[in-house]
Amino acid sequence: MLRRLLIGLFFLPIPGLLYCQGEQTAPDAVLTYQAFMNLVRQYHPAALGAELLVEEGNATVMGTRGQFDPRLSASSKDKNFGDQTYYNLIDAGLLIPTATGIDISAGYEQTSGVYLNPERTLPEKGQMALGVTIPALHQLIINERKLEMQRARLMQQASLIGRRVLLNKLLFDAAIAYWKWSGSWQKLRVYDEAVSAARQRLLATQESAELGDIATIDTVEARTQVQQFEIEQLDALLKYQELTLKVSNFLWDPNGQPLRLDFGAQPEDVPVSDDASLPALAGILPEIEGLSAWHPELLLTLNKQSQLEAERRIKLGKTLPKIKVDMVLLADPTDLQPTISDYRLGAGVQYPIFTRRERADLNLTDLKLRQVALDLQFKQQKQENDILTAWYKASNTFRQIGGFRNQTNNFLTLLEGEQEKFFLGQSSLFLVNAREVKYIKSRLDFIDAIFKFEQAKEQLRFELFSRGEGVITPNAQ
C-alpha cells in the first residue's frame, strides 16, 4: 500500500517549467496583444479625440486665411421729404487684402439730390475708383498678417504633435494594462495546476491512511497544502478579474459602445525568452544629443517658443506709429481709363505717446520667452535621463529572466530529489510540500520577470515615441 501512495505522489502532474505551456484555449477566446492595441487605436474615445486636435488645427489655419478673403460691400441711402429728393447715395466696392499688408480696392459711387453735400457731388453717371491703402511704417516693417498666418501654421503643427503625444500616452497605458492582465492569467494557471496536484495528493494520502500504510497526521499535512494553494488561487483569481476589467476600459466597438471582456477571456502566450528583443530595442535607440530635433515633447516646447517669437514681433509693431496712406484713381464709368490727374489722396497717423501698455505687453512676452527657454533646457535633460532610465531598466530586467529561469530549474531539481528521498523513506511529506511551495514561488517570480520585461519595453517605446507616424518639425512649412 505504501507503494500505491508513492505512485500517487510521484506521478502527479508536475506543472510545466515554462509558464506558456499547457492546454491551448479556443482561438476565439484569446485576445492577442496586436488585436487589442488595434482596437484601442481605432475605437477608443481618447484616440478619436486626438484626431479632433488635427481638425482643430486645420480649422485655425483656415480661419486665419480668411483675413485674405476679398470682401464685397454695397450700400444705398435715400432721403425724400416734401416731394423733394434730398439725396440719393449708392456705393459698391471690392476690397482685396494682400499678404504684404497693402489693400487693393475697387468701387463705384453714384450720388444725386437737391441737398447733396457738395463734396459728394459726382458726374451724373457716377464714378469708378481704383485705389490702394498702404501702411507706410507699421505694417511694412512688422507684417502682422504674415505673422498671424505663421502662428496659425505653428498651431496646426502643434495639433499634429499633440495628437501623437495623446496617442502615445493612451497606447502606453493600454499596453501596460494588457501585460499586467497577461501576467495575472499566467499566475492563475500556475495556481490552478498547483491546486489540482495538491488535491490528487490529498486523495492518495487519505486512501493510504485508511489502509494503515501511513499515519493519519500526513492527511492533515496534505490537506493544509491544498487549503494554502486554494487561498492563493482565490487571490490570483481576484487579481485576474480586476485586471480583466481594467483591460476592458480600453475596449470600444465601432459604434462608440464600451465592451467588457468575459472572465474566460485569455491573453496570448508570450515566449519565455526572445533573444532578439533587446537588440531590436537597441536599434531604435536614437542619438540622445539630437533629441530636440525629433522628440514630440520637446517639439511642442519649440513650437510654443516659435509662437511667442511671432507674438513678440506683433507686440513690437504696436510700439511703432501707425501711418496709413490711401491713394485712389478716379475714372468715368463709361471709359474706365483713370488718369494720374484724377485722384483722391488721404493719409493718417496714430501713435500712443507713452506706449506704456504696448511696452508692458512686449516685456511680458519677453519674460514668457525666457521661461520657455528654461523649460526647454530642463525638458531636454529630463527626457535624456528618462530614455536612459527606461533603456537600463529593459536591459536589466532582460538579464534577470535568465537568472529566474535557472532558479526555477534548480528548485524543480530539489523538488524531484526530495520526492526521490521520500520514495526511499529518507524524507517526509512536509519536506516535499515545502520544496513544492518554493518551486511554485520561483515559477511566479519567473513570470513576474518576464512581464516586467514586457512592461519595461513598453516604457522605452513610450519614452522614444516609437509608435505611430512621424511628426512635423517646427521648421516645416
Protein backbone atom coordinates (compact mmCIF):
# COMPACT_ATOMS: atom_id res chain seq x y z
CA MET A 1 0.00 0.00 0.00
CA LEU A 2 2.89 2.31 0.64
CA ARG A 3 3.95 1.77 -2.95
CA ARG A 4 0.45 2.76 -4.05
CA LEU A 5 0.76 6.04 -2.14
CA LEU A 6 4.19 6.70 -3.57
CA ILE A 7 2.92 6.09 -7.09
CA GLY A 8 0.10 8.57 -6.41
CA LEU A 9 2.57 11.13 -5.12
CA PHE A 10 5.30 10.86 -7.72
CA PHE A 11 3.13 10.56 -10.78
CA LEU A 12 1.12 13.64 -10.02
CA PRO A 13 1.33 16.10 -12.95
CA ILE A 14 4.20 18.47 -12.16
CA PRO A 15 3.39 21.93 -13.60
CA GLY A 16 5.41 22.80 -16.67
CA LEU A 17 8.58 24.78 -16.17
CA LEU A 18 7.63 27.36 -18.77
CA TYR A 19 4.56 29.37 -17.95
CA CYS A 20 3.37 29.38 -21.55
CA GLN A 21 2.97 25.59 -21.58
CA GLY A 22 -0.36 23.91 -21.01
CA GLU A 23 -3.61 23.42 -22.88
CA GLN A 24 -4.35 25.92 -25.61
CA THR A 25 -7.61 27.75 -25.34
CA ALA A 26 -10.05 28.14 -28.19
CA PRO A 27 -8.83 30.74 -30.69
CA ASP A 28 -11.92 32.88 -30.27
CA ALA A 29 -11.25 33.13 -26.52
CA VAL A 30 -7.74 34.57 -26.98
CA LEU A 31 -7.23 38.33 -27.21
CA THR A 32 -3.82 38.87 -28.79
CA TYR A 33 -1.69 41.88 -27.98
CA GLN A 34 -1.75 43.20 -31.54
CA ALA A 35 -5.53 42.83 -31.87
CA PHE A 36 -6.02 44.58 -28.54
CA MET A 37 -3.77 47.51 -29.49
CA ASN A 38 -5.50 47.86 -32.87
CA LEU A 39 -8.89 48.08 -31.15
CA VAL A 40 -7.59 50.75 -28.80
CA ARG A 41 -6.09 52.80 -31.63
CA GLN A 42 -9.21 52.62 -33.79
CA TYR A 43 -12.13 52.98 -31.40
CA HIS A 44 -11.04 54.36 -28.01
CA PRO A 45 -12.64 57.78 -27.31
CA ALA A 46 -9.26 59.28 -26.46
CA ALA A 47 -7.85 58.15 -29.82
CA LEU A 48 -10.83 59.67 -31.61
CA GLY A 49 -10.41 62.83 -29.53
CA ALA A 50 -6.79 63.05 -30.65
CA GLU A 51 -7.99 63.17 -34.25
CA LEU A 52 -10.13 66.17 -33.34
CA LEU A 53 -6.95 68.06 -32.45
CA VAL A 54 -5.86 67.81 -36.07
CA GLU A 55 -9.21 69.11 -37.28
CA GLU A 56 -8.93 71.95 -34.79
CA GLY A 57 -5.51 72.89 -36.16
CA ASN A 58 -6.80 72.79 -39.73
CA ALA A 59 -9.75 75.00 -38.76
CA THR A 60 -7.35 77.51 -37.18
CA VAL A 61 -5.35 77.79 -40.39
CA MET A 62 -8.48 78.13 -42.49
CA GLY A 63 -9.82 80.85 -40.20
CA THR A 64 -6.57 82.81 -40.36
CA ARG A 65 -6.51 82.57 -44.15
CA GLY A 66 -9.86 84.32 -44.03
CA GLN A 67 -8.05 87.64 -43.47
CA PHE A 68 -7.01 87.48 -47.13
CA ASP A 69 -10.51 86.83 -48.43
CA PRO A 70 -11.83 89.51 -50.84
CA ARG A 71 -14.74 91.49 -49.38
CA LEU A 72 -17.71 92.82 -51.31
CA SER A 73 -19.68 95.76 -49.96
CA ALA A 74 -22.70 97.73 -51.12
CA SER A 75 -24.87 100.43 -49.57
CA SER A 76 -27.68 102.75 -50.61
CA LYS A 77 -29.09 105.79 -48.80
CA ASP A 78 -32.12 107.86 -49.81
CA LYS A 79 -33.91 110.81 -48.22
CA ASN A 80 -37.19 112.22 -49.56
CA PHE A 81 -39.22 114.95 -47.85
CA GLY A 82 -41.90 117.32 -49.16
CA ASP A 83 -41.84 115.85 -52.65
CA GLN A 84 -38.14 116.58 -52.88
CA THR A 85 -35.23 114.18 -53.08
CA TYR A 86 -32.74 115.45 -50.55
CA TYR A 87 -30.10 112.92 -51.59
CA ASN A 88 -29.59 109.51 -53.13
CA LEU A 89 -26.30 107.73 -52.42
CA ILE A 90 -25.16 104.44 -53.99
CA ASP A 91 -21.81 102.93 -53.06
CA ALA A 92 -20.43 99.49 -54.04
CA GLY A 93 -16.92 98.16 -53.77
CA LEU A 94 -14.46 95.29 -53.61
CA LEU A 95 -11.57 95.11 -51.12
CA ILE A 96 -8.68 92.67 -51.65
CA PRO A 97 -6.29 92.30 -48.67
CA THR A 98 -2.80 91.06 -49.53
CA ALA A 99 -0.10 89.25 -47.55
CA THR A 100 2.15 92.33 -47.81
CA GLY A 101 -0.28 94.40 -45.75
CA ILE A 102 -1.35 96.53 -48.73
CA ASP A 103 -5.09 96.58 -49.50
CA ILE A 104 -6.34 96.93 -53.09
CA SER A 105 -9.81 98.34 -53.59
CA ALA A 106 -12.18 99.00 -56.47
CA GLY A 107 -15.55 100.73 -56.27
CA TYR A 108 -18.40 102.59 -57.88
CA GLU A 109 -20.26 105.60 -56.47
CA GLN A 110 -23.34 107.44 -57.72
CA THR A 111 -24.95 110.42 -55.99
CA SER A 112 -27.83 112.81 -56.71
CA GLY A 113 -30.23 115.10 -54.87
CA VAL A 114 -31.14 118.73 -54.18
CA TYR A 115 -29.43 118.98 -50.81
CA LEU A 116 -26.46 116.77 -51.59
CA ASN A 117 -23.28 117.63 -49.74
CA PRO A 118 -21.08 119.41 -52.31
CA GLU A 119 -18.09 117.16 -51.66
CA ARG A 120 -20.21 114.17 -52.62
CA THR A 121 -21.20 115.67 -55.97
CA LEU A 122 -20.27 113.32 -58.80
CA PRO A 123 -20.91 113.08 -62.53
CA GLU A 124 -24.43 112.01 -63.48
CA LYS A 125 -23.28 108.53 -64.48
CA GLY A 126 -21.34 108.09 -61.29
CA GLN A 127 -17.67 107.49 -60.71
CA MET A 128 -15.34 104.48 -60.66
CA ALA A 129 -12.44 104.27 -58.23
CA LEU A 130 -9.32 102.09 -58.06
CA GLY A 131 -7.08 102.50 -55.05
CA VAL A 132 -4.55 101.11 -52.64
CA THR A 133 -4.13 101.54 -48.91
CA ILE A 134 -0.51 101.39 -47.80
CA PRO A 135 0.57 101.09 -44.16
CA ALA A 136 3.61 103.27 -44.58
CA LEU A 137 5.52 102.22 -41.45
CA HIS A 138 3.93 99.79 -39.04
CA GLN A 139 2.59 97.10 -41.39
CA LEU A 140 5.52 97.17 -43.78
CA ILE A 141 8.11 96.70 -41.03
CA ILE A 142 6.05 94.32 -38.89
CA ASN A 143 3.74 92.39 -41.22
CA GLU A 144 1.01 91.35 -38.81
CA ARG A 145 -0.93 89.40 -41.40
CA LYS A 146 2.06 87.25 -42.29
CA LEU A 147 2.88 86.74 -38.61
CA GLU A 148 -0.69 85.72 -37.81
CA MET A 149 -0.53 83.19 -40.64
CA GLN A 150 2.76 81.89 -39.27
CA ARG A 151 1.22 81.49 -35.81
CA ALA A 152 -1.74 79.62 -37.30
CA ARG A 153 0.57 77.18 -39.08
CA LEU A 154 2.52 76.67 -35.86
CA MET A 155 -0.73 75.92 -34.04
CA GLN A 156 -1.59 73.40 -36.76
CA GLN A 157 1.78 71.73 -36.30
CA ALA A 158 1.26 71.74 -32.53
CA SER A 159 -2.06 69.93 -33.03
CA LEU A 160 -0.30 67.20 -35.03
CA ILE A 161 2.36 66.83 -32.35
CA GLY A 162 -0.26 66.93 -29.59
CA ARG A 163 -2.19 64.18 -31.34
CA ARG A 164 0.84 61.93 -31.22
CA VAL A 165 1.52 62.77 -27.58
CA LEU A 166 -2.03 61.76 -26.64
CA LEU A 167 -1.90 58.56 -28.69
CA ASN A 168 1.48 57.64 -27.23
CA LYS A 169 0.16 58.00 -23.68
CA LEU A 170 -3.05 56.08 -24.48
CA LEU A 171 -1.23 53.19 -26.15
CA PHE A 172 1.32 53.03 -23.33
CA ASP A 173 -1.40 52.81 -20.67
CA ALA A 174 -3.25 50.19 -22.72
CA ALA A 175 -0.10 48.09 -23.25
CA ILE A 176 0.79 48.14 -19.54
CA ALA A 177 -2.77 47.09 -18.66
CA TYR A 178 -2.57 44.23 -21.16
CA TRP A 179 0.75 42.85 -19.88
CA LYS A 180 -0.38 43.05 -16.26
CA TRP A 181 -3.54 41.20 -17.21
CA SER A 182 -1.50 38.63 -19.14
CA GLY A 183 0.80 38.09 -16.17
CA SER A 184 -2.15 37.61 -13.81
CA TRP A 185 -3.58 35.00 -16.17
CA GLN A 186 -0.32 33.03 -16.21
CA LYS A 187 -0.11 33.15 -12.40
CA LEU A 188 -3.69 31.92 -12.14
CA ARG A 189 -2.77 28.95 -14.34
CA VAL A 190 0.13 28.10 -12.02
CA TYR A 191 -2.19 28.05 -9.01
CA ASP A 192 -4.79 26.01 -10.90
CA GLU A 193 -2.15 23.37 -11.62
CA ALA A 194 -0.87 23.51 -8.02
CA VAL A 195 -4.36 23.08 -6.53
CA SER A 196 -5.13 20.18 -8.88
CA ALA A 197 -1.89 18.40 -7.96
CA ALA A 198 -2.37 19.01 -4.22
CA ARG A 199 -5.93 17.65 -4.30
CA GLN A 200 -4.80 14.45 -6.04
CA ARG A 201 -2.05 14.08 -3.48
CA LEU A 202 -4.61 14.53 -0.67
CA LEU A 203 -6.85 11.78 -2.12
CA ALA A 204 -3.89 9.40 -2.37
CA THR A 205 -2.83 10.25 1.19
CA GLN A 206 -6.34 9.68 2.59
CA GLU A 207 -6.58 6.33 0.83
CA SER A 208 -3.24 5.18 2.20
CA ALA A 209 -4.14 6.37 5.71
CA GLU A 210 -7.39 4.40 5.63
CA LEU A 211 -5.43 1.29 4.71
CA GLY A 212 -2.98 1.95 7.56
CA ASP A 213 0.04 2.40 5.32
CA ILE A 214 0.80 5.91 6.65
CA ALA A 215 -0.02 7.95 9.75
CA THR A 216 -3.28 9.88 9.77
CA ILE A 217 -1.37 13.09 10.55
CA ASP A 218 0.01 13.03 6.99
CA THR A 219 -3.51 13.67 5.69
CA VAL A 220 -3.57 16.87 7.73
CA GLU A 221 -0.29 17.90 6.10
CA ALA A 222 -1.71 17.20 2.64
CA ARG A 223 -4.99 18.98 3.41
CA THR A 224 -3.12 22.03 4.69
CA GLN A 225 -1.22 22.22 1.41
CA VAL A 226 -4.49 22.11 -0.54
CA GLN A 227 -6.04 24.83 1.62
CA GLN A 228 -2.99 27.09 1.26
CA PHE A 229 -2.98 26.76 -2.52
CA GLU A 230 -6.76 27.29 -2.70
CA ILE A 231 -6.47 30.54 -0.75
CA GLU A 232 -3.68 31.78 -3.02
CA GLN A 233 -5.67 30.63 -6.04
CA LEU A 234 -8.60 32.82 -4.96
CA ASP A 235 -6.26 35.80 -4.58
CA ALA A 236 -4.88 35.14 -8.07
CA LEU A 237 -8.41 34.83 -9.47
CA LEU A 238 -9.45 38.14 -7.90
CA LYS A 239 -6.37 39.85 -9.35
CA TYR A 240 -7.10 38.39 -12.78
CA GLN A 241 -10.72 39.57 -12.62
CA GLU A 242 -9.69 43.09 -11.55
CA LEU A 243 -7.18 43.36 -14.37
CA THR A 244 -9.68 41.94 -16.86
CA LEU A 245 -11.99 44.84 -16.04
CA LYS A 246 -9.11 47.32 -16.35
CA VAL A 247 -8.30 45.96 -19.81
CA SER A 248 -12.00 46.31 -20.68
CA ASN A 249 -11.71 50.05 -20.02
CA PHE A 250 -9.71 50.33 -23.25
CA LEU A 251 -12.14 48.36 -25.44
CA TRP A 252 -14.88 50.03 -27.50
CA ASP A 253 -16.81 48.94 -30.56
CA PRO A 254 -17.09 50.90 -33.85
CA ASN A 255 -20.41 52.37 -32.67
CA GLY A 256 -18.80 54.00 -29.64
CA GLN A 257 -20.19 51.49 -27.14
CA PRO A 258 -17.92 50.16 -24.36
CA LEU A 259 -17.02 46.48 -24.42
CA ARG A 260 -16.37 44.16 -21.49
CA LEU A 261 -14.21 41.08 -21.59
CA ASP A 262 -15.62 37.85 -20.23
CA PHE A 263 -13.67 36.45 -17.31
CA GLY A 264 -12.92 33.45 -19.51
CA ALA A 265 -11.02 35.59 -21.98
CA GLN A 266 -7.32 34.87 -22.24
CA PRO A 267 -4.28 36.81 -23.43
CA GLU A 268 -1.88 35.31 -25.91
CA ASP A 269 1.03 33.20 -24.70
CA VAL A 270 4.32 35.06 -24.78
CA PRO A 271 7.65 33.34 -25.50
CA VAL A 272 9.65 32.94 -22.33
CA SER A 273 12.81 34.30 -23.94
CA ASP A 274 13.14 36.41 -27.04
CA ASP A 275 16.85 36.84 -27.56
CA ALA A 276 16.27 39.29 -30.42
CA SER A 277 14.03 41.64 -28.44
CA LEU A 278 16.80 43.56 -26.67
CA PRO A 279 18.97 44.10 -29.76
CA ALA A 280 15.84 45.22 -31.60
CA LEU A 281 15.23 47.83 -28.92
CA ALA A 282 18.84 48.92 -29.17
CA GLY A 283 18.26 49.53 -32.86
CA ILE A 284 15.59 52.15 -32.18
CA LEU A 285 17.63 53.94 -29.54
CA PRO A 286 18.49 57.26 -31.23
CA GLU A 287 21.31 59.69 -30.69
CA ILE A 288 20.42 61.42 -27.43
CA GLU A 289 22.27 64.57 -28.46
CA GLY A 290 19.75 65.29 -31.24
CA LEU A 291 16.72 64.76 -29.02
CA SER A 292 15.12 68.17 -29.59
CA ALA A 293 15.06 67.59 -33.35
CA TRP A 294 12.51 64.76 -33.17
CA HIS A 295 11.08 64.22 -29.69
CA PRO A 296 7.42 65.39 -29.61
CA GLU A 297 7.51 66.71 -26.05
CA LEU A 298 10.46 68.94 -26.95
CA LEU A 299 8.96 69.83 -30.32
CA LEU A 300 5.89 71.15 -28.51
CA THR A 301 8.10 73.42 -26.42
CA LEU A 302 9.99 74.59 -29.51
CA ASN A 303 6.66 75.20 -31.22
CA LYS A 304 5.50 77.30 -28.29
CA GLN A 305 8.75 79.24 -28.47
CA SER A 306 8.20 79.96 -32.17
CA GLN A 307 4.65 81.13 -31.48
CA LEU A 308 5.90 83.51 -28.79
CA GLU A 309 8.56 84.88 -31.13
CA ALA A 310 5.87 85.66 -33.72
CA GLU A 311 3.73 87.19 -30.98
CA ARG A 312 6.68 89.31 -29.86
CA ARG A 313 7.11 90.78 -33.33
CA ILE A 314 3.42 91.67 -33.37
CA LYS A 315 3.73 93.33 -29.95
CA LEU A 316 6.84 95.16 -31.14
CA GLY A 317 4.90 96.53 -34.08
CA LYS A 318 2.33 98.05 -31.76
CA THR A 319 5.03 100.29 -30.29
CA LEU A 320 5.57 101.92 -33.72
CA PRO A 321 3.47 104.76 -35.16
CA LYS A 322 0.64 103.64 -37.45
CA ILE A 323 0.76 105.63 -40.69
CA LYS A 324 -1.72 104.96 -43.45
CA VAL A 325 -1.75 106.35 -46.98
CA ASP A 326 -4.82 105.99 -49.25
CA MET A 327 -4.33 106.61 -52.98
CA VAL A 328 -7.37 106.32 -55.25
CA LEU A 329 -7.51 106.90 -59.01
CA LEU A 330 -10.88 108.12 -60.30
CA ALA A 331 -12.45 107.44 -63.69
CA ASP A 332 -15.66 107.89 -65.66
CA PRO A 333 -17.57 104.57 -65.66
CA THR A 334 -18.13 104.83 -69.42
CA ASP A 335 -14.47 104.67 -70.48
CA LEU A 336 -12.74 103.20 -67.38
CA GLN A 337 -9.46 104.94 -68.20
CA PRO A 338 -8.20 106.53 -64.99
CA THR A 339 -5.54 109.22 -65.24
CA ILE A 340 -2.99 110.39 -62.74
CA SER A 341 -4.60 113.83 -62.63
CA ASP A 342 -7.90 112.41 -61.32
CA TYR A 343 -7.29 111.08 -57.85
CA ARG A 344 -8.21 111.13 -54.20
CA LEU A 345 -5.44 111.09 -51.62
CA GLY A 346 -5.57 110.62 -47.87
CA ALA A 347 -3.14 109.99 -45.04
CA GLY A 348 -3.31 109.48 -41.28
CA VAL A 349 -1.11 108.75 -38.29
CA GLN A 350 -1.84 107.23 -34.88
CA TYR A 351 0.59 106.80 -32.03
CA PRO A 352 0.19 106.40 -28.26
CA ILE A 353 2.54 108.93 -26.66
CA PHE A 354 3.82 106.89 -23.73
CA THR A 355 3.22 103.36 -25.17
CA ARG A 356 3.07 102.00 -21.64
CA ARG A 357 0.59 99.27 -22.43
CA GLU A 358 2.45 98.29 -25.60
CA ARG A 359 5.84 98.18 -23.87
CA ALA A 360 4.36 96.21 -20.97
CA ASP A 361 2.91 93.61 -23.36
CA LEU A 362 6.28 93.35 -25.08
CA ASN A 363 8.08 92.85 -21.75
CA LEU A 364 5.61 90.14 -20.72
CA THR A 365 6.22 88.30 -23.97
CA ASP A 366 9.99 88.53 -23.40
CA LEU A 367 9.53 87.00 -19.95
CA LYS A 368 7.50 84.15 -21.44
CA LEU A 369 10.26 83.51 -23.97
CA ARG A 370 12.85 83.32 -21.22
CA GLN A 371 10.64 80.88 -19.29
CA VAL A 372 10.17 78.69 -22.35
CA ALA A 373 13.94 78.63 -22.91
CA LEU A 374 14.45 77.44 -19.33
CA ASP A 375 11.68 74.83 -19.73
CA LEU A 376 13.30 73.55 -22.91
CA GLN A 377 16.65 73.16 -21.18
CA PHE A 378 15.05 71.30 -18.28
CA LYS A 379 12.92 69.05 -20.50
CA GLN A 380 15.91 68.20 -22.67
CA GLN A 381 17.88 66.95 -19.67
CA LYS A 382 14.89 65.17 -18.15
CA GLN A 383 13.97 63.42 -21.38
CA GLU A 384 17.53 62.21 -21.92
CA ASN A 385 17.56 60.73 -18.41
CA ASP A 386 14.08 59.20 -18.84
CA ILE A 387 15.14 57.45 -22.04
CA LEU A 388 18.35 56.14 -20.49
CA THR A 389 16.48 55.01 -17.37
CA ALA A 390 13.95 53.11 -19.48
CA TRP A 391 16.75 51.54 -21.50
CA TYR A 392 18.69 50.37 -18.45
CA LYS A 393 15.51 49.01 -16.90
CA ALA A 394 14.69 46.99 -20.01
CA SER A 395 18.28 45.76 -20.27
CA ASN A 396 18.47 44.70 -16.62
CA THR A 397 15.07 43.01 -16.49
CA PHE A 398 16.00 41.12 -19.66
CA ARG A 399 19.09 39.77 -17.92
CA GLN A 400 17.08 38.85 -14.82
CA ILE A 401 14.94 36.46 -16.84
CA GLY A 402 17.85 34.07 -17.25
CA GLY A 403 18.55 34.14 -13.53
CA PHE A 404 14.96 33.34 -12.62
CA ARG A 405 14.87 30.57 -15.24
CA ASN A 406 17.92 28.93 -13.66
CA GLN A 407 16.45 29.37 -10.19
CA THR A 408 13.22 27.68 -11.25
CA ASN A 409 15.16 24.79 -12.76
CA ASN A 410 17.12 24.39 -9.54
CA PHE A 411 14.01 24.38 -7.38
CA LEU A 412 12.46 21.78 -9.68
CA THR A 413 15.57 19.63 -9.28
CA LEU A 414 15.36 19.98 -5.48
CA LEU A 415 11.67 19.05 -5.55
CA GLU A 416 12.32 15.96 -7.65
CA GLY A 417 15.22 15.00 -5.38
CA GLU A 418 13.07 15.40 -2.26
CA GLN A 419 10.43 13.20 -3.87
CA GLU A 420 13.06 10.55 -4.58
CA LYS A 421 14.26 10.67 -0.96
CA PHE A 422 10.64 10.36 0.20
CA PHE A 423 10.27 7.31 -2.01
CA LEU A 424 13.30 5.77 -0.27
CA GLY A 425 11.90 6.60 3.16
CA GLN A 426 14.54 9.26 3.85
CA SER A 427 12.23 12.30 3.81
CA SER A 428 8.73 13.37 4.81
CA LEU A 429 5.63 14.77 3.15
CA PHE A 430 6.28 18.05 4.98
CA LEU A 431 9.63 18.49 3.23
CA VAL A 432 8.15 17.56 -0.14
CA ASN A 433 5.43 20.17 0.34
CA ALA A 434 8.00 22.79 1.41
CA ARG A 435 10.04 22.11 -1.73
CA GLU A 436 6.89 22.40 -3.83
CA VAL A 437 5.99 25.76 -2.26
CA LYS A 438 9.42 27.14 -3.14
CA TYR A 439 9.13 25.77 -6.66
CA ILE A 440 5.74 27.41 -7.14
CA LYS A 441 7.10 30.71 -5.82
CA SER A 442 10.06 30.52 -8.21
CA ARG A 443 7.67 29.99 -11.12
CA LEU A 444 5.70 33.06 -10.06
CA ASP A 445 8.91 35.09 -9.79
CA PHE A 446 9.85 33.85 -13.26
CA ILE A 447 6.52 35.09 -14.63
CA ASP A 448 6.99 38.44 -12.88
CA ALA A 449 10.41 38.84 -14.50
CA ILE A 450 9.04 38.10 -17.98
CA PHE A 451 6.20 40.57 -17.72
CA LYS A 452 8.33 43.22 -16.05
CA PHE A 453 10.49 42.99 -19.15
CA GLU A 454 7.44 43.39 -21.40
CA GLN A 455 6.40 46.47 -19.40
CA ALA A 456 9.96 47.83 -19.49
CA LYS A 457 9.91 47.54 -23.29
CA GLU A 458 6.64 49.46 -23.36
CA GLN A 459 8.19 52.15 -21.14
CA LEU A 460 11.11 52.50 -23.53
CA ARG A 461 8.76 52.74 -26.53
CA PHE A 462 6.79 55.37 -24.64
CA GLU A 463 9.87 57.49 -23.93
CA LEU A 464 11.10 57.10 -27.51
CA PHE A 465 7.69 57.77 -29.08
CA SER A 466 8.39 54.78 -31.33
CA ARG A 467 4.71 54.18 -32.15
CA GLY A 468 2.69 55.86 -34.86
CA GLU A 469 3.53 58.07 -37.78
CA GLY A 470 6.08 60.84 -37.99
CA VAL A 471 5.73 64.33 -36.63
CA ILE A 472 6.07 67.65 -38.43
CA THR A 473 9.04 69.59 -37.11
CA PRO A 474 8.79 73.24 -36.06
CA ASN A 475 10.66 74.35 -39.19
CA ALA A 476 8.20 72.66 -41.52
CA GLN A 477 6.02 74.95 -43.62
